[in-house]
């Protein structure tokens, strides 16, 4: 949800990841299923964002979809501001923060999930937090 900003689309991406896990040959290490799912969800979210960007480019009139209908009921004003600021971050920074603070992954797990080095994860997190601090002051 935090990567895409659309609950229904996020649920579809997660469901597609689980379907792909069930359809693939069994993993040699069943404990690796969580990592496989994380990578599948992040990649699915990226694909969904690319498709949305293409639709926007080809659409003549832009419209403001706004936040999900239930966002106001679920979150207080401060939470909405933070989520809006997170959504304005560049994709990689947003992914790092979501995986770190909402999913509780370690730097090594985030690096593996995103296919980057631990140093990249640290840099993205640091820059993202600095941007959020500046936006939320």
Protein backbone atom coordinates (compact mmCIF):
# COMPACT_ATOMS: atom_id res chain seq x y z
CA UNK A 1 0.00 0.00 0.00
CA UNK A 2 2.79 2.40 0.88
CA UNK A 3 4.71 1.66 -2.30
CA UNK A 4 1.72 2.14 -4.59
CA UNK A 5 -0.71 4.42 -2.79
CA UNK A 6 -3.64 2.26 -3.89
CA UNK A 7 -4.94 -0.45 -1.58
CA UNK A 8 -6.67 -2.53 -4.27
CA UNK A 9 -3.63 -2.46 -6.55
CA UNK A 10 -1.34 -3.34 -3.63
CA UNK A 11 -3.55 -6.31 -2.74
CA UNK A 12 -3.40 -7.48 -6.38
CA UNK A 13 0.40 -7.23 -6.41
CA UNK A 14 0.69 -9.24 -3.19
CA UNK A 15 -1.78 -11.83 -4.43
CA UNK A 16 0.15 -12.17 -7.71
CA UNK A 17 3.35 -12.76 -5.72
CA UNK A 18 1.73 -15.57 -3.72
CA UNK A 19 0.31 -17.13 -6.91
CA UNK A 20 3.77 -17.03 -8.51
CA UNK A 21 5.26 -18.70 -5.42
CA UNK A 22 2.70 -21.53 -5.56
CA UNK A 23 3.14 -22.05 -9.32
CA UNK A 24 6.94 -22.21 -9.27
CA UNK A 25 8.88 -25.38 -8.49
CA UNK A 26 9.37 -25.91 -4.75
CA UNK A 27 12.16 -23.87 -3.20
CA UNK A 28 15.22 -25.78 -2.04
CA UNK A 29 14.97 -23.92 1.27
CA UNK A 30 11.34 -23.31 2.38
CA UNK A 31 12.60 -20.53 4.69
CA UNK A 32 13.51 -18.55 1.55
CA UNK A 33 9.83 -18.09 0.67
CA UNK A 34 9.62 -14.79 2.60
CA UNK A 35 12.52 -13.31 0.66
CA UNK A 36 11.06 -14.55 -2.63
CA UNK A 37 7.73 -12.90 -1.79
CA UNK A 38 9.38 -9.59 -0.79
CA UNK A 39 11.32 -9.41 -4.06
CA UNK A 40 8.20 -10.35 -6.04
CA UNK A 41 6.10 -7.69 -4.31
CA UNK A 42 8.69 -4.92 -4.85
CA UNK A 43 9.12 -5.92 -8.50
CA UNK A 44 5.34 -6.11 -8.95
CA UNK A 45 4.96 -2.65 -7.43
CA UNK A 46 7.60 -1.28 -9.79
CA UNK A 47 5.80 -2.80 -12.78
CA UNK A 48 2.49 -1.37 -11.63
CA UNK A 49 4.09 2.08 -11.27
CA UNK A 50 5.57 1.84 -14.78
CA UNK A 51 2.17 0.90 -16.23
CA UNK A 52 0.55 3.81 -14.39
CA UNK A 53 3.20 6.21 -15.71
CA UNK A 54 2.55 5.07 -19.27
CA UNK A 55 -1.20 5.56 -18.82
CA UNK A 56 -0.60 9.08 -17.48
CA UNK A 57 1.63 9.97 -20.41
CA UNK A 58 -1.02 8.89 -22.89
CA UNK A 59 -3.91 10.50 -21.10
CA UNK A 60 -4.72 14.01 -22.35
CA UNK A 61 -6.51 15.41 -19.34
CA UNK A 62 -4.99 14.81 -15.95
CA UNK A 63 -7.18 14.34 -12.96
CA UNK A 64 -6.44 14.24 -9.26
CA UNK A 65 -7.39 10.87 -7.78
CA UNK A 66 -6.54 12.02 -4.26
CA UNK A 67 -5.95 9.70 -1.34
CA UNK A 68 -7.89 6.44 -0.90
CA UNK A 69 -11.42 6.92 0.41
CA UNK A 70 -10.70 5.25 3.74
CA UNK A 71 -7.40 7.08 4.42
CA UNK A 72 -9.10 9.73 6.55
CA UNK A 73 -10.81 7.13 8.70
CA UNK A 74 -7.63 5.13 9.22
CA UNK A 75 -5.07 7.82 9.84
CA UNK A 76 -4.85 11.03 11.78
CA UNK A 77 -3.72 14.28 10.18
CA UNK A 78 -0.07 13.75 11.18
CA UNK A 79 -0.01 10.30 9.63
CA UNK A 80 -1.52 11.59 6.39
CA UNK A 81 1.17 14.27 6.19
CA UNK A 82 3.93 11.72 6.72
CA UNK A 83 2.46 9.34 4.13
CA UNK A 84 2.12 12.18 1.62
CA UNK A 85 5.76 13.14 2.21
CA UNK A 86 6.86 9.50 1.80
CA UNK A 87 4.95 9.28 -1.50
CA UNK A 88 6.85 12.34 -2.79
CA UNK A 89 10.22 10.65 -2.25
CA UNK A 90 12.07 9.10 -5.19
CA UNK A 91 11.12 5.45 -5.78
CA UNK A 92 14.26 3.84 -4.35
CA UNK A 93 14.22 5.99 -1.19
CA UNK A 94 10.52 5.23 -0.68
CA UNK A 95 11.15 1.50 -1.10
CA UNK A 96 14.02 1.54 1.40
CA UNK A 97 11.96 3.36 4.05
CA UNK A 98 8.91 1.16 3.58
CA UNK A 99 10.95 -2.03 3.79
CA UNK A 100 12.90 -0.75 6.82
CA UNK A 101 10.26 0.92 8.97
CA UNK A 102 7.00 -0.72 7.91
CA UNK A 103 8.30 -4.20 7.10
CA UNK A 104 11.05 -4.18 9.73
CA UNK A 105 13.76 -5.60 7.45
CA UNK A 106 17.46 -5.27 8.17
CA UNK A 107 19.83 -3.43 5.83
CA UNK A 108 21.08 -6.76 4.47
CA UNK A 109 17.53 -7.98 3.78
CA UNK A 110 16.61 -4.71 2.06
CA UNK A 111 19.78 -4.86 -0.05
CA UNK A 112 18.94 -8.42 -1.11
CA UNK A 113 15.30 -7.55 -1.83
CA UNK A 114 16.16 -4.53 -3.97
CA UNK A 115 19.29 -6.03 -5.53
CA UNK A 116 21.59 -3.26 -4.30
CA UNK A 117 24.51 -3.00 -1.87
CA UNK A 118 24.11 -2.32 1.85
CA UNK A 119 25.87 1.01 1.30
CA UNK A 120 23.19 2.01 -1.20
CA UNK A 121 20.51 1.11 1.34
CA UNK A 122 22.22 3.25 4.00
CA UNK A 123 22.62 6.18 1.61
CA UNK A 124 19.01 6.00 0.40
CA UNK A 125 17.69 5.79 3.94
CA UNK A 126 19.80 8.71 5.11
CA UNK A 127 18.80 10.91 2.19
CA UNK A 128 15.14 9.94 2.50
CA UNK A 129 15.03 10.76 6.21
CA UNK A 130 16.72 14.10 5.57
CA UNK A 131 14.16 14.95 2.89
CA UNK A 132 11.29 13.94 5.16
CA UNK A 133 12.67 16.06 7.98
CA UNK A 134 12.85 19.06 5.67
CA UNK A 135 9.33 18.51 4.32
CA UNK A 136 7.70 17.91 7.69
CA UNK A 137 9.14 20.92 9.53
